[in-house]
Amino acid sequence: CSSDLHGILQLRPSFTYLDKADAKHREREAANEAGDSSQDEAEEDVKQVTVRFSRPESEQAYQRRVQSYEFLQKKQAEEHWVHLHYYGVKDSRSEHERQYLQCQAAGMENTELIKSPSEYLTMLMPPTTQEEFDKPVAPSNVLSMAQLRTLPLADQIKILIKNVKVMPFANLMGLMATGTESTAVLRCIQQVALLVQGNWVVKSDIVYPKDTSSPHSGVTAEVLCRGRDYVMWKFTQSRWVVRKEIAAVTKLCQEDVKDRKS
């Protein structure tokens, strides 16, 4: 269908502030040319003919010139106007052009256009379907946030705090799904972490499960848990601990003491 043309409104913007940089550049060039002209006038007494060549334009100056509002206005003024010939809806020429919208082949039937509006909309925007894509290769102990949120809330918090070791409660809530209640998160975090210096720290029995041992010294998980619990207790008394004092009390090797602080 066509719409009637009731009038034409032409807007000509004015961006004179864009020419400030060009004006400064032209002033510098004029000053340079004035110096050259004064030198030429001094030499007129000894030269019969003075040949002056235009100063070569740098690439930067050319880019500024073609992007200036004055240059764009000049290009617009040089552009030829294309006059519009309007024909009304009932004009014979308009009727002739509308004939091209109809199928020219006799007996040809286009079944795709014989559909209801809802069916046609479904063709344009088919419903999204969940497709199985090849999952990227990742370590067996690594879960994406999408996979993590399919687990129960308690398992989500346990996996997060076990991998992060130390986390403020606000950061933990930021990783939870929208609508998760803070009281439920607080109830779950207390099962797997301790509150130390305003941060939740994973419990020792989560870091060192039963029947495991140290990869450095072979010390059992029970001894490692006692040593780490002692470090956590020290942090409740002060914001720092001395590694030598921890090693002297826990009787653990230096490698195990380093791991206890994580």
Protein backbone atom coordinates (compact mmCIF):
# COMPACT_ATOMS: atom_id res chain seq x y z
CA CYS A 1 0.00 0.00 0.00
CA SER A 2 1.08 3.63 -0.45
CA SER A 3 0.75 6.69 1.78
CA ASP A 4 -0.21 10.16 0.66
CA LEU A 5 2.55 12.76 0.67
CA HIS A 6 1.27 15.86 2.45
CA GLY A 7 4.41 17.94 2.56
CA ILE A 8 8.19 18.07 2.60
CA LEU A 9 10.26 19.44 5.46
CA GLN A 10 13.97 19.88 4.96
CA LEU A 11 16.21 20.39 7.99
CA ARG A 12 19.62 21.93 7.59
CA PRO A 13 21.72 21.52 10.75
CA SER A 14 24.38 23.99 11.79
CA PHE A 15 27.45 22.56 13.50
CA THR A 16 29.79 25.52 13.41
CA TYR A 17 31.57 24.39 16.56
CA LEU A 18 33.05 21.53 14.56
CA ASP A 19 35.09 24.04 12.53
CA LYS A 20 37.01 25.41 15.51
CA ALA A 21 39.89 23.01 14.98
CA ASP A 22 39.92 23.81 11.26
CA ALA A 23 39.93 27.56 11.96
CA LYS A 24 42.99 27.21 14.19
CA HIS A 25 44.70 25.09 11.54
CA ARG A 26 43.93 27.68 8.84
CA GLU A 27 45.31 30.45 11.08
CA ARG A 28 48.58 28.55 11.47
CA GLU A 29 48.79 27.98 7.71
CA ALA A 30 48.03 31.66 7.04
CA ALA A 31 50.79 32.68 9.42
CA ASN A 32 53.22 30.36 7.68
CA GLU A 33 52.19 31.64 4.25
CA ALA A 34 52.53 35.25 5.46
CA GLY A 35 56.10 34.50 6.47
CA ASP A 36 56.79 32.98 3.08
CA SER A 37 55.20 35.95 1.26
CA SER A 38 57.28 38.47 3.22
CA GLN A 39 60.40 36.56 2.27
CA ASP A 40 59.30 36.54 -1.37
CA GLU A 41 58.72 40.33 -1.33
CA ALA A 42 62.26 40.84 -0.07
CA GLU A 43 63.60 38.81 -2.94
CA GLU A 44 61.55 40.61 -5.63
CA ASP A 45 64.37 43.11 -6.12
CA VAL A 46 66.75 40.45 -7.38
CA LYS A 47 64.28 38.11 -9.12
CA GLN A 48 62.23 38.93 -12.17
CA VAL A 49 59.76 36.05 -11.77
CA THR A 50 58.60 34.52 -8.49
CA VAL A 51 57.19 30.99 -8.70
CA ARG A 52 55.25 29.83 -5.68
CA PHE A 53 54.05 26.30 -5.13
CA SER A 54 51.15 25.36 -2.89
CA ARG A 55 52.13 23.78 0.35
CA PRO A 56 51.58 19.97 0.26
CA GLU A 57 48.64 18.93 2.41
CA SER A 58 49.39 16.31 5.05
CA GLU A 59 47.17 13.29 5.50
CA GLN A 60 46.03 14.53 8.90
CA ALA A 61 45.10 17.94 7.51
CA TYR A 62 43.22 16.30 4.64
CA GLN A 63 41.22 14.12 7.03
CA ARG A 64 40.26 17.16 9.11
CA ARG A 65 39.22 19.07 5.99
CA VAL A 66 36.99 16.32 4.58
CA GLN A 67 35.34 15.83 7.98
CA SER A 68 34.60 19.51 8.54
CA TYR A 69 31.05 20.82 8.37
CA GLU A 70 32.01 23.30 5.65
CA PHE A 71 33.26 20.53 3.37
CA LEU A 72 30.13 18.43 3.98
CA GLN A 73 27.92 21.43 3.21
CA LYS A 74 29.81 21.97 -0.03
CA LYS A 75 29.40 18.34 -1.06
CA GLN A 76 25.70 18.50 -0.23
CA ALA A 77 25.27 21.64 -2.32
CA GLU A 78 26.97 19.92 -5.28
CA GLU A 79 24.67 16.90 -5.08
CA HIS A 80 22.00 16.81 -7.76
CA TRP A 81 18.40 16.78 -6.61
CA VAL A 82 16.17 13.96 -7.79
CA HIS A 83 12.68 15.32 -8.34
CA LEU A 84 9.80 13.18 -7.12
CA HIS A 85 6.81 12.62 -9.36
CA TYR A 86 3.87 11.62 -7.19
CA TYR A 87 0.90 9.71 -8.59
CA GLY A 88 -2.31 9.29 -6.64
CA VAL A 89 -3.85 5.99 -5.57
CA LYS A 90 -6.44 6.10 -8.34
CA ASP A 91 -4.00 7.12 -11.05
CA SER A 92 -3.64 4.70 -13.97
CA ARG A 93 0.11 4.52 -13.54
CA SER A 94 -0.27 3.57 -9.86
CA GLU A 95 -2.74 0.86 -10.85
CA HIS A 96 -0.28 -0.41 -13.45
CA GLU A 97 2.51 -0.74 -10.85
CA ARG A 98 0.21 -2.58 -8.44
CA GLN A 99 -0.39 -5.23 -11.06
CA TYR A 100 3.19 -6.41 -10.57
CA LEU A 101 2.30 -7.44 -7.01
CA GLN A 102 0.02 -10.15 -8.32
CA CYS A 103 1.18 -13.56 -9.48
CA GLN A 104 1.55 -13.55 -13.26
CA ALA A 105 1.46 -17.34 -13.76
CA ALA A 106 -2.08 -18.62 -14.23
CA GLY A 107 -3.13 -21.51 -12.04
CA MET A 108 -0.13 -21.17 -9.75
CA GLU A 109 -1.02 -21.41 -6.08
CA ASN A 110 1.23 -20.32 -3.24
CA THR A 111 0.25 -22.42 -0.25
CA GLU A 112 2.65 -20.68 2.16
CA LEU A 113 0.55 -17.51 2.12
CA ILE A 114 -2.69 -19.34 2.86
CA LYS A 115 -2.15 -19.45 6.62
CA SER A 116 -3.65 -17.87 9.67
CA PRO A 117 -1.88 -14.93 11.33
CA SER A 118 -0.73 -17.11 14.23
CA GLU A 119 0.69 -19.76 11.88
CA TYR A 120 2.45 -17.11 9.83
CA LEU A 121 3.95 -15.61 13.00
CA THR A 122 5.18 -19.08 14.02
CA MET A 123 6.88 -19.40 10.63
CA LEU A 124 8.64 -16.08 11.12
CA MET A 125 9.61 -16.73 14.75
CA PRO A 126 9.69 -20.47 15.47
CA PRO A 127 9.68 -21.48 19.14
CA THR A 128 13.07 -21.99 20.69
CA THR A 129 14.13 -25.57 21.22
CA GLN A 130 16.88 -26.75 23.52
CA GLU A 131 19.55 -28.32 21.39
CA GLU A 132 22.39 -30.46 22.65
CA PHE A 133 25.70 -28.84 21.87
CA ASP A 134 29.12 -30.36 22.35
CA LYS A 135 30.21 -29.36 25.82
CA PRO A 136 33.73 -27.97 26.10
CA VAL A 137 36.29 -30.25 27.66
CA ALA A 138 36.71 -29.30 31.31
CA PRO A 139 38.17 -30.97 34.40
CA SER A 140 35.86 -33.45 36.10
CA ASN A 141 35.71 -31.34 39.27
CA VAL A 142 34.69 -28.12 37.49
CA LEU A 143 31.04 -27.14 37.03
CA SER A 144 29.60 -24.21 35.13
CA MET A 145 27.22 -21.84 36.91
CA ALA A 146 24.33 -23.24 34.85
CA GLN A 147 25.16 -26.80 35.97
CA LEU A 148 25.77 -25.67 39.54
CA ARG A 149 22.34 -24.07 39.86
CA THR A 150 20.64 -27.35 38.96
CA LEU A 151 21.92 -28.83 42.25
CA PRO A 152 20.24 -28.44 45.65
CA LEU A 153 21.07 -25.25 47.53
CA ALA A 154 23.19 -27.03 50.14
CA ASP A 155 25.31 -28.72 47.46
CA GLN A 156 25.76 -25.43 45.61
CA ILE A 157 27.09 -23.70 48.71
CA LYS A 158 29.34 -26.63 49.62
CA ILE A 159 30.94 -26.73 46.16
CA LEU A 160 31.43 -22.95 46.08
CA ILE A 161 32.97 -22.61 49.52
CA LYS A 162 35.15 -25.68 48.99
CA ASN A 163 36.66 -24.19 45.83
CA VAL A 164 36.88 -20.59 47.03
CA LYS A 165 37.96 -21.41 50.63
CA VAL A 166 37.20 -17.87 51.92
CA MET A 167 34.21 -15.75 50.88
CA PRO A 168 32.19 -12.82 52.27
CA PHE A 169 28.48 -13.48 52.62
CA ALA A 170 27.60 -10.70 50.13
CA ASN A 171 29.73 -12.36 47.43
CA LEU A 172 28.09 -15.70 48.13
CA MET A 173 24.62 -14.19 47.72
CA GLY A 174 25.72 -12.66 44.43
CA LEU A 175 26.39 -16.16 43.07
CA MET A 176 23.02 -17.49 44.08
CA ALA A 177 20.04 -17.59 41.72
CA THR A 178 17.62 -14.66 41.76
CA GLY A 179 15.03 -15.01 44.51
CA THR A 180 17.17 -17.16 46.83
CA GLU A 181 16.44 -16.26 50.47
CA SER A 182 19.41 -15.15 52.56
CA THR A 183 18.15 -17.09 55.59
CA ALA A 184 18.26 -20.34 53.63
CA VAL A 185 21.79 -19.58 52.43
CA LEU A 186 22.87 -18.72 55.97
CA ARG A 187 21.42 -21.97 57.27
CA CYS A 188 23.37 -23.98 54.67
CA ILE A 189 26.67 -22.09 54.94
CA GLN A 190 26.86 -22.80 58.68
CA GLN A 191 27.04 -26.52 57.90
CA VAL A 192 30.21 -26.25 55.79
CA ALA A 193 32.00 -23.06 56.88
CA LEU A 194 33.06 -21.00 59.90
CA LEU A 195 32.80 -17.24 60.35
CA VAL A 196 36.31 -15.82 60.80
CA GLN A 197 37.08 -12.07 60.74
CA GLY A 198 33.81 -11.35 58.91
CA ASN A 199 34.39 -13.98 56.20
CA TRP A 200 33.10 -17.51 55.81
CA VAL A 201 35.95 -20.04 55.74
CA VAL A 202 35.45 -23.63 54.67
CA LYS A 203 35.58 -26.18 57.51
CA SER A 204 38.63 -28.39 57.84
CA ASP A 205 36.74 -31.68 57.45
CA ILE A 206 35.50 -30.44 54.04
CA VAL A 207 39.04 -29.67 52.87
CA TYR A 208 40.44 -32.92 54.30
CA PRO A 209 37.85 -35.67 54.11
CA LYS A 210 38.12 -38.75 56.27
CA ASP A 211 40.63 -41.46 55.25
CA THR A 212 42.81 -39.00 53.30
CA SER A 213 46.38 -37.90 54.02
CA SER A 214 48.81 -35.12 53.24
CA PRO A 215 50.53 -35.40 49.82
CA HIS A 216 53.65 -33.84 51.37
CA SER A 217 54.21 -35.75 54.60
CA GLY A 218 51.59 -38.50 54.63
CA VAL A 219 49.99 -37.11 57.82
CA THR A 220 46.42 -38.32 58.31
CA ALA A 221 43.39 -36.09 57.70
CA GLU A 222 42.57 -36.04 61.42
CA VAL A 223 45.92 -34.42 62.27
CA LEU A 224 45.63 -31.99 59.37
CA CYS A 225 42.16 -30.93 60.53
CA ARG A 226 43.40 -30.26 64.05
CA GLY A 227 46.26 -28.17 62.72
CA ARG A 228 44.02 -26.16 60.42
CA ASP A 229 41.45 -25.61 63.19
CA TYR A 230 44.24 -24.22 65.34
CA VAL A 231 45.15 -21.77 62.56
CA MET A 232 41.50 -20.70 62.27
CA TRP A 233 41.37 -20.14 66.03
CA LYS A 234 44.51 -17.98 65.85
CA PHE A 235 42.87 -15.85 63.17
CA THR A 236 39.93 -15.20 65.51
CA GLN A 237 42.43 -13.74 67.98
CA SER A 238 44.49 -11.70 65.50
CA ARG A 239 44.48 -10.67 61.86
CA TRP A 240 47.82 -12.40 61.20
CA VAL A 241 49.75 -15.46 62.37
CA VAL A 242 53.42 -16.44 62.42
CA ARG A 243 54.24 -19.53 60.39
CA LYS A 244 57.05 -20.68 62.69
CA GLU A 245 54.76 -20.54 65.72
CA ILE A 246 52.11 -22.56 63.90
CA ALA A 247 54.67 -25.18 62.90
CA ALA A 248 56.04 -25.38 66.46
CA VAL A 249 52.59 -25.97 67.96
CA THR A 250 51.09 -28.28 65.33
CA LYS A 251 54.34 -30.21 64.63
CA LEU A 252 53.57 -30.11 60.90
CA CYS A 253 56.09 -29.64 58.11
CA GLN A 254 56.43 -26.30 56.31
CA GLU A 255 54.50 -27.48 53.22
CA ASP A 256 51.56 -28.60 55.35
CA VAL A 257 51.61 -25.34 57.29
CA LYS A 258 51.38 -23.38 54.02
CA ASP A 259 48.39 -25.47 52.97
CA ARG A 260 46.70 -24.94 56.35
CA LYS A 261 46.48 -21.22 55.66
CA SER A 262 44.39 -21.77 52.54
